[in-house]
N, C-alpha and C. Protein backbone atom coordinates (compact mmCIF):
# COMPACT_ATOMS: atom_id res chain seq x y z
N MET A 1 75.53 98.64 173.95
CA MET A 1 76.06 97.64 174.58
C MET A 1 76.23 96.54 173.97
N LEU A 2 75.57 96.92 172.10
CA LEU A 2 76.38 95.74 171.32
C LEU A 2 77.55 95.65 171.45
N LEU A 3 77.73 96.88 170.71
CA LEU A 3 79.27 97.00 170.38
C LEU A 3 80.42 96.21 171.97
N LYS A 4 79.88 96.93 172.90
CA LYS A 4 80.81 96.40 173.56
C LYS A 4 80.70 95.35 174.51
N GLU A 5 79.61 94.59 173.99
CA GLU A 5 79.40 93.45 174.98
C GLU A 5 79.84 91.63 173.72
N GLY A 6 79.67 92.10 172.34
CA GLY A 6 79.10 91.65 171.37
C GLY A 6 80.44 91.48 170.54
N HIS A 7 80.38 90.88 169.42
CA HIS A 7 81.67 90.48 168.61
C HIS A 7 81.30 91.21 167.31
N THR A 8 81.03 92.27 167.26
CA THR A 8 80.58 92.67 166.47
C THR A 8 81.03 94.20 166.09
N ASN A 9 80.78 94.95 164.71
CA ASN A 9 80.92 96.51 164.83
C ASN A 9 79.64 96.92 163.99
N LEU A 10 79.94 97.91 164.09
CA LEU A 10 78.39 99.12 163.45
C LEU A 10 78.53 98.77 162.42
N ASP A 11 80.02 98.35 161.34
CA ASP A 11 80.03 98.24 159.68
C ASP A 11 79.22 97.05 159.84
N ASP A 12 79.72 95.69 160.51
CA ASP A 12 79.03 94.52 160.67
C ASP A 12 77.57 94.14 160.21
N ALA A 13 77.21 94.85 161.51
CA ALA A 13 75.92 94.78 161.73
C ALA A 13 74.64 95.98 160.77
N GLU A 14 75.45 96.64 159.71
CA GLU A 14 74.95 97.32 159.28
C GLU A 14 74.08 98.72 159.93
N ALA A 15 74.48 99.19 161.15
CA ALA A 15 73.78 99.83 161.64
C ALA A 15 73.49 101.11 161.32
N LEU A 16 74.52 101.42 160.59
CA LEU A 16 74.57 103.22 159.75
C LEU A 16 73.08 103.03 158.75
N HIS A 17 73.40 101.76 158.23
CA HIS A 17 72.58 101.72 156.63
C HIS A 17 70.79 101.68 157.69
N TYR A 18 71.08 101.10 158.64
CA TYR A 18 69.48 100.69 159.54
C TYR A 18 68.79 102.11 160.01
N ALA A 19 69.99 102.66 160.58
CA ALA A 19 69.59 103.91 160.97
C ALA A 19 68.86 104.93 160.44
N VAL A 20 70.01 105.39 159.12
CA VAL A 20 69.23 105.92 157.73
C VAL A 20 68.09 105.51 157.43
N ALA A 21 67.51 104.11 157.23
CA ALA A 21 66.41 103.99 156.55
C ALA A 21 65.14 103.82 157.22
N TYR A 22 65.59 103.82 158.78
CA TYR A 22 64.30 103.57 159.63
C TYR A 22 63.87 104.66 160.97
N CYS A 23 65.19 105.03 161.24
CA CYS A 23 65.47 105.94 162.23
C CYS A 23 64.85 107.34 162.24
N ASP A 24 65.24 108.10 163.26
CA ASP A 24 65.26 110.04 162.71
C ASP A 24 66.28 110.22 162.64
N SER A 25 66.66 111.30 162.00
CA SER A 25 67.83 112.26 162.10
C SER A 25 68.56 112.76 163.12
N LYS A 26 67.84 112.62 164.45
CA LYS A 26 68.67 113.18 165.30
C LYS A 26 69.43 111.96 165.79
N THR A 27 68.57 110.49 165.66
CA THR A 27 69.55 109.27 165.70
C THR A 27 70.77 108.61 165.33
N THR A 28 70.38 108.82 164.04
CA THR A 28 71.30 108.91 162.93
C THR A 28 72.64 109.42 163.20
N THR A 29 72.47 111.18 163.05
CA THR A 29 73.37 112.08 163.78
C THR A 29 74.29 111.71 165.10
N GLU A 30 73.84 110.88 165.65
CA GLU A 30 74.47 110.68 166.93
C GLU A 30 74.76 109.44 166.72
N LEU A 31 75.03 108.58 165.88
CA LEU A 31 75.32 107.01 165.64
C LEU A 31 76.75 107.99 164.73
N LEU A 32 76.42 108.78 163.58
CA LEU A 32 77.56 109.27 162.64
C LEU A 32 78.79 109.98 163.72
N ASP A 33 77.88 110.41 164.81
CA ASP A 33 79.04 111.29 165.47
C ASP A 33 80.02 110.64 166.68
N LEU A 34 79.50 109.30 166.35
CA LEU A 34 80.35 108.25 167.28
C LEU A 34 81.95 107.97 166.42
N GLY A 35 81.55 108.13 165.09
CA GLY A 35 82.93 107.98 164.37
C GLY A 35 83.36 106.54 164.09
N LEU A 36 82.18 105.87 164.44
CA LEU A 36 82.83 104.29 164.34
C LEU A 36 82.64 103.30 163.47
N ALA A 37 81.18 103.79 162.54
CA ALA A 37 81.10 103.54 160.66
C ALA A 37 81.69 103.72 159.84
N ASP A 38 81.84 103.57 158.89
CA ASP A 38 82.07 103.93 157.14
C ASP A 38 81.05 103.84 156.44
N VAL A 39 81.30 105.32 156.43
CA VAL A 39 79.74 105.77 155.62
C VAL A 39 79.78 105.59 154.13
N ASN A 40 81.05 104.66 153.95
CA ASN A 40 81.16 104.61 152.46
C ASN A 40 80.87 103.24 152.15
N GLN A 41 80.52 102.34 153.34
CA GLN A 41 80.60 100.46 153.25
C GLN A 41 79.10 100.43 152.75
N THR A 42 79.42 99.41 151.74
CA THR A 42 77.89 98.73 150.86
C THR A 42 77.19 97.84 151.82
N ASN A 43 75.77 97.76 151.74
CA ASN A 43 75.52 96.76 152.04
C ASN A 43 75.26 95.61 151.22
N SER A 44 74.79 94.67 151.90
CA SER A 44 74.29 93.33 151.15
C SER A 44 73.78 93.51 149.43
N ARG A 45 73.04 94.44 149.50
CA ARG A 45 72.37 94.84 148.28
C ARG A 45 73.80 95.83 147.70
N GLY A 46 74.68 96.09 147.82
CA GLY A 46 75.53 97.35 146.69
C GLY A 46 75.28 98.50 147.18
N TYR A 47 74.22 99.15 148.17
CA TYR A 47 74.09 100.15 148.89
C TYR A 47 74.98 100.90 149.92
N THR A 48 75.36 102.57 149.48
CA THR A 48 75.92 102.99 150.35
C THR A 48 75.19 103.98 151.32
N VAL A 49 74.87 104.09 152.62
CA VAL A 49 74.42 105.28 153.37
C VAL A 49 73.85 105.51 152.55
N LEU A 50 74.52 106.58 151.93
CA LEU A 50 73.96 107.83 151.23
C LEU A 50 72.97 107.30 150.05
N HIS A 51 73.08 105.94 149.64
CA HIS A 51 71.76 105.74 148.58
C HIS A 51 70.75 105.65 149.42
N VAL A 52 70.61 104.78 150.52
CA VAL A 52 69.67 104.69 151.12
C VAL A 52 69.10 105.84 151.87
N ALA A 53 69.82 107.09 152.37
CA ALA A 53 69.35 108.23 152.76
C ALA A 53 68.43 108.98 151.45
N ALA A 54 69.21 108.67 150.09
CA ALA A 54 68.66 109.44 148.77
C ALA A 54 67.05 108.56 148.80
N MET A 55 67.05 107.36 149.05
CA MET A 55 65.43 106.75 148.91
C MET A 55 64.45 107.06 150.19
N ARG A 56 65.09 107.58 151.13
CA ARG A 56 64.34 107.84 152.40
C ARG A 56 64.12 109.52 152.25
N LYS A 57 64.75 110.10 151.35
CA LYS A 57 64.44 111.57 151.06
C LYS A 57 64.41 112.27 152.30
N GLU A 58 65.13 112.34 152.79
CA GLU A 58 65.71 113.46 154.20
C GLU A 58 66.83 113.89 154.15
N PRO A 59 66.63 115.38 153.77
CA PRO A 59 67.63 116.39 154.12
C PRO A 59 69.11 116.67 154.94
N LYS A 60 68.29 116.30 156.52
CA LYS A 60 68.70 116.50 157.39
C LYS A 60 70.62 115.21 157.10
N ILE A 61 69.65 114.07 156.80
CA ILE A 61 70.56 112.91 156.98
C ILE A 61 71.19 112.86 155.77
N ILE A 62 71.14 113.25 154.51
CA ILE A 62 71.63 113.90 153.34
C ILE A 62 73.15 114.54 154.05
N VAL A 63 72.97 115.47 154.51
CA VAL A 63 73.43 116.86 154.57
C VAL A 63 74.81 116.20 155.83
N SER A 64 74.05 115.47 157.07
CA SER A 64 75.46 114.88 158.04
C SER A 64 75.98 114.01 157.12
N LEU A 65 75.49 113.02 156.13
CA LEU A 65 76.68 111.89 155.60
C LEU A 65 77.84 112.46 155.14
N LEU A 66 77.14 113.96 153.98
CA LEU A 66 77.97 114.33 153.46
C LEU A 66 79.36 114.79 154.34
N THR A 67 78.78 115.70 155.09
CA THR A 67 79.48 116.23 156.00
C THR A 67 80.68 115.23 156.87
N LYS A 68 80.25 113.96 156.62
CA LYS A 68 81.02 112.99 157.18
C LYS A 68 81.79 112.07 156.47
N GLY A 69 82.23 112.41 155.20
CA GLY A 69 82.80 112.36 153.78
C GLY A 69 82.30 111.29 152.88
N ALA A 70 80.92 110.78 152.64
CA ALA A 70 80.45 109.98 152.08
C ALA A 70 80.12 110.32 150.72
N ARG A 71 80.72 109.61 150.03
CA ARG A 71 80.90 110.10 148.35
C ARG A 71 79.72 110.29 147.61
N PRO A 72 79.41 111.17 146.97
CA PRO A 72 78.13 111.49 145.83
C PRO A 72 78.48 110.57 144.72
N SER A 73 79.46 110.21 144.36
CA SER A 73 80.02 109.98 143.53
C SER A 73 79.73 108.22 143.29
N ALA A 74 79.96 107.41 144.48
CA ALA A 74 79.37 106.13 144.71
C ALA A 74 78.66 105.41 143.58
N LEU A 75 78.40 104.45 143.65
CA LEU A 75 77.78 103.22 142.35
C LEU A 75 77.17 102.56 143.05
N THR A 76 76.07 101.82 143.07
CA THR A 76 75.31 100.60 143.29
C THR A 76 75.84 99.73 142.33
N SER A 77 75.48 98.50 142.95
CA SER A 77 76.32 97.50 142.59
C SER A 77 75.46 97.83 140.78
N ASP A 78 74.26 98.00 140.61
CA ASP A 78 73.65 98.21 139.14
C ASP A 78 74.37 99.87 138.98
N GLY A 79 75.00 100.67 139.11
CA GLY A 79 75.46 101.49 138.33
C GLY A 79 74.85 103.11 138.63
N ARG A 80 73.91 102.97 139.83
CA ARG A 80 73.52 104.06 139.77
C ARG A 80 74.11 104.72 140.92
N LYS A 81 74.00 106.55 141.11
CA LYS A 81 74.27 107.63 141.86
C LYS A 81 73.55 107.57 143.07
N ALA A 82 73.31 108.06 144.01
CA ALA A 82 72.38 108.77 144.77
C ALA A 82 71.90 110.31 144.30
N LEU A 83 72.14 110.47 143.58
CA LEU A 83 71.31 111.38 143.10
C LEU A 83 70.85 110.79 141.96
N GLN A 84 70.92 110.03 141.00
CA GLN A 84 70.34 109.78 140.43
C GLN A 84 69.04 108.46 141.06
N ILE A 85 68.89 107.99 142.35
CA ILE A 85 68.08 107.42 142.72
C ILE A 85 67.21 108.32 143.52
N ALA A 86 67.81 109.61 143.99
CA ALA A 86 66.62 110.50 144.69
C ALA A 86 65.56 111.34 143.02
N LYS A 87 66.44 111.43 141.94
CA LYS A 87 65.60 111.82 140.69
C LYS A 87 64.51 110.85 140.24
N ARG A 88 64.86 109.85 140.61
CA ARG A 88 64.26 108.65 139.96
C ARG A 88 62.82 108.26 140.85
N LEU A 89 63.24 108.63 142.49
CA LEU A 89 61.68 108.58 143.15
C LEU A 89 60.91 110.58 143.44
N THR A 90 61.38 111.07 142.55
CA THR A 90 60.72 112.32 142.65
C THR A 90 59.84 112.43 141.58
N ARG A 91 58.64 112.70 141.53
CA ARG A 91 57.82 113.10 140.04
C ARG A 91 58.50 114.68 139.98
N ALA A 92 58.27 114.43 138.91
CA ALA A 92 58.72 115.92 137.88
C ALA A 92 57.44 116.93 138.30
N ALA A 93 56.37 116.63 138.73
CA ALA A 93 55.70 117.46 138.53
C ALA A 93 55.80 117.85 140.40
N ASP A 94 56.34 117.02 140.95
CA ASP A 94 56.71 118.09 142.73
C ASP A 94 57.85 118.50 142.17
N TYR A 95 58.91 118.14 141.83
CA TYR A 95 59.98 119.03 142.01
C TYR A 95 60.01 120.40 140.72
N HIS A 96 59.31 120.16 139.92
CA HIS A 96 59.59 121.72 138.95
C HIS A 96 58.28 122.63 139.68
N LYS A 97 57.32 121.93 140.77
CA LYS A 97 56.58 122.82 140.94
C LYS A 97 56.87 123.91 141.78
N CYS A 98 55.76 125.24 141.37
CA CYS A 98 56.33 127.05 141.85
C CYS A 98 56.13 126.53 143.47
N ILE A 99 57.28 127.35 144.34
CA ILE A 99 57.03 127.48 145.40
C ILE A 99 56.57 128.56 146.00
N GLU A 100 55.92 129.14 146.93
CA GLU A 100 55.30 130.04 147.40
C GLU A 100 56.57 130.81 148.00
N GLU A 101 56.73 132.38 147.86
CA GLU A 101 57.61 132.78 148.52
C GLU A 101 57.17 132.43 150.22
N GLY A 102 58.37 132.27 150.62
CA GLY A 102 58.35 132.46 152.44
C GLY A 102 57.77 130.71 152.57
N LYS A 103 57.55 129.93 151.91
CA LYS A 103 57.76 128.65 152.37
C LYS A 103 58.40 127.41 151.50
N ALA A 104 58.91 126.72 152.54
CA ALA A 104 59.83 125.79 152.32
C ALA A 104 60.09 125.03 151.13
N SER A 105 61.06 124.39 150.38
CA SER A 105 60.91 123.66 149.39
C SER A 105 60.48 122.22 150.11
N PRO A 106 59.83 121.68 149.15
CA PRO A 106 59.74 120.12 149.50
C PRO A 106 60.76 119.24 149.52
N ASN A 107 60.73 118.05 150.52
CA ASN A 107 61.94 117.41 151.16
C ASN A 107 62.53 116.97 149.57
N GLU A 108 61.82 116.46 148.95
CA GLU A 108 62.06 115.35 147.55
C GLU A 108 63.64 116.65 146.97
N ARG A 109 62.72 117.55 146.49
CA ARG A 109 63.47 118.74 145.51
C ARG A 109 64.69 119.32 146.24
N LEU A 110 64.86 119.42 147.96
CA LEU A 110 65.90 120.12 148.50
C LEU A 110 67.05 118.89 148.07
N CYS A 111 66.85 117.85 148.81
CA CYS A 111 67.71 116.12 148.54
C CYS A 111 68.10 116.27 147.30
N ILE A 112 67.55 116.71 146.26
CA ILE A 112 68.14 116.51 144.64
C ILE A 112 69.30 117.57 144.79
N GLU A 113 68.18 118.85 145.07
CA GLU A 113 69.56 120.33 145.04
C GLU A 113 70.88 120.01 145.73
N ILE A 114 70.69 119.19 147.07
CA ILE A 114 71.74 119.12 147.63
C ILE A 114 73.07 118.13 147.44
N LEU A 115 72.15 117.34 146.46
CA LEU A 115 73.18 116.02 145.84
C LEU A 115 73.70 116.36 144.90
N GLU A 116 72.89 117.52 144.20
CA GLU A 116 73.58 118.28 142.71
C GLU A 116 74.79 118.46 143.09
N GLN A 117 74.56 120.30 144.46
CA GLN A 117 75.56 120.68 144.56
C GLN A 117 76.75 119.58 145.16
N ALA A 118 76.69 118.67 145.74
CA ALA A 118 77.75 117.56 146.31
C ALA A 118 78.64 116.99 145.17
N GLU A 119 77.85 116.59 144.19
CA GLU A 119 78.64 116.26 143.45
C GLU A 119 79.29 117.26 141.91
N ARG A 120 78.65 118.38 142.08
CA ARG A 120 79.75 119.82 141.53
C ARG A 120 80.66 119.65 142.19
N ARG A 121 80.97 119.91 143.47
CA ARG A 121 82.13 119.70 144.18
C ARG A 121 83.00 118.67 144.37
N SER A 122 82.51 117.78 144.13
CA SER A 122 83.23 116.35 144.14
C SER A 122 84.37 116.18 143.33
N PRO A 123 85.64 116.61 143.36
CA PRO A 123 86.62 116.32 142.56
C PRO A 123 86.42 114.41 141.91
N LEU A 124 87.31 114.70 140.71
CA LEU A 124 86.99 113.43 139.59
C LEU A 124 88.03 112.58 140.22
N LEU A 125 89.11 112.90 140.66
CA LEU A 125 89.47 111.87 141.20
C LEU A 125 90.20 111.39 142.83
N GLY A 126 90.39 110.42 143.63
CA GLY A 126 90.60 110.66 144.51
C GLY A 126 89.79 110.91 145.50
N GLU A 127 90.14 110.73 146.96
CA GLU A 127 89.38 111.19 147.97
C GLU A 127 88.82 112.59 148.39
N ALA A 128 88.09 113.22 148.98
CA ALA A 128 88.32 114.68 148.97
C ALA A 128 87.33 114.68 150.30
N SER A 129 87.62 114.44 151.41
CA SER A 129 86.66 114.50 153.03
C SER A 129 86.80 115.93 152.88
N VAL A 130 88.21 116.79 152.74
CA VAL A 130 87.92 118.08 153.06
C VAL A 130 87.26 118.94 152.35
N SER A 131 86.91 118.73 151.00
CA SER A 131 86.45 119.21 150.19
C SER A 131 84.67 118.66 150.62
N LEU A 132 84.63 117.67 150.70
CA LEU A 132 82.90 117.00 150.85
C LEU A 132 82.53 118.05 152.37
N ALA A 133 83.62 118.11 153.08
CA ALA A 133 83.24 118.51 154.80
C ALA A 133 82.84 120.17 154.44
N LEU A 134 83.77 120.71 153.39
CA LEU A 134 83.43 121.98 153.31
C LEU A 134 81.91 121.89 152.68
N ALA A 135 81.80 121.17 151.71
CA ALA A 135 80.75 121.18 150.77
C ALA A 135 78.78 121.26 151.79
N GLY A 136 79.51 119.95 152.68
CA GLY A 136 78.66 119.78 153.94
C GLY A 136 77.91 121.02 154.79
N ASP A 137 79.28 121.79 155.35
CA ASP A 137 78.80 122.76 156.07
C ASP A 137 78.45 123.58 155.45
N ASP A 138 78.87 124.09 153.97
CA ASP A 138 77.83 125.08 153.25
C ASP A 138 76.19 124.40 152.51
N LEU A 139 75.93 123.44 152.87
CA LEU A 139 74.54 122.72 153.03
C LEU A 139 73.89 122.63 153.69
N ARG A 140 74.66 122.26 155.10
CA ARG A 140 74.20 122.35 156.43
C ARG A 140 73.55 123.82 156.49
N MET A 141 74.66 125.12 156.04
CA MET A 141 73.69 126.32 156.43
C MET A 141 72.59 126.67 155.46
N LYS A 142 72.50 126.10 154.09
CA LYS A 142 71.55 126.04 153.44
C LYS A 142 70.33 125.42 154.19
N LEU A 143 70.36 124.07 154.55
CA LEU A 143 69.32 123.53 155.16
C LEU A 143 68.56 124.27 156.37
N LEU A 144 69.67 124.83 157.28
CA LEU A 144 69.35 125.74 158.33
C LEU A 144 68.30 126.78 158.32
N TYR A 145 69.00 127.47 156.98
CA TYR A 145 68.13 128.86 156.55
C TYR A 145 66.43 128.99 156.03
N LEU A 146 66.45 127.19 155.44
CA LEU A 146 65.32 127.14 154.72
C LEU A 146 64.50 126.47 155.75
N GLU A 147 65.00 125.72 156.89
CA GLU A 147 63.97 125.27 157.99
C GLU A 147 63.62 126.86 158.90
N ASN A 148 64.51 127.66 158.98
CA ASN A 148 64.24 128.62 159.73
C ASN A 148 63.35 130.00 158.89
N ARG A 149 62.88 130.09 157.72
CA ARG A 149 61.62 130.86 157.00
C ARG A 149 60.82 130.77 157.72
N GLY A 150 60.30 129.72 157.75
CA GLY A 150 59.07 129.87 158.29
C GLY A 150 58.19 129.98 159.48
């Protein structure tokens, strides 16, 4: 209703940033599927939606953003990537903790692995939405596998 009746758009309202920070992954995915917001837009603090998702540590949201073309190499206004944010917010003991066979990885570790893989696949120059979409599909399959193990 806000979009139809108001004089604003999702980017001006930073709706995607808000959804990633405060809503469940289903709501965020539905908003992404509308295709009305720029996933690489920065908010007033200089964060892209992927930076916000890295702070939240929700693997499903990170995969959805990468699938929709979010750039893992994007920098905050103070020069940090989403991967650096995720690593900074994860205790080393939690990341290196041995996982029992048949148990899911903790979200923090999974987010870091997803972002590392996305950065490895991201070309150094130019846009690569096709490459990121393929990386996102691969990451989504890994996430589904891990969810269905238990």
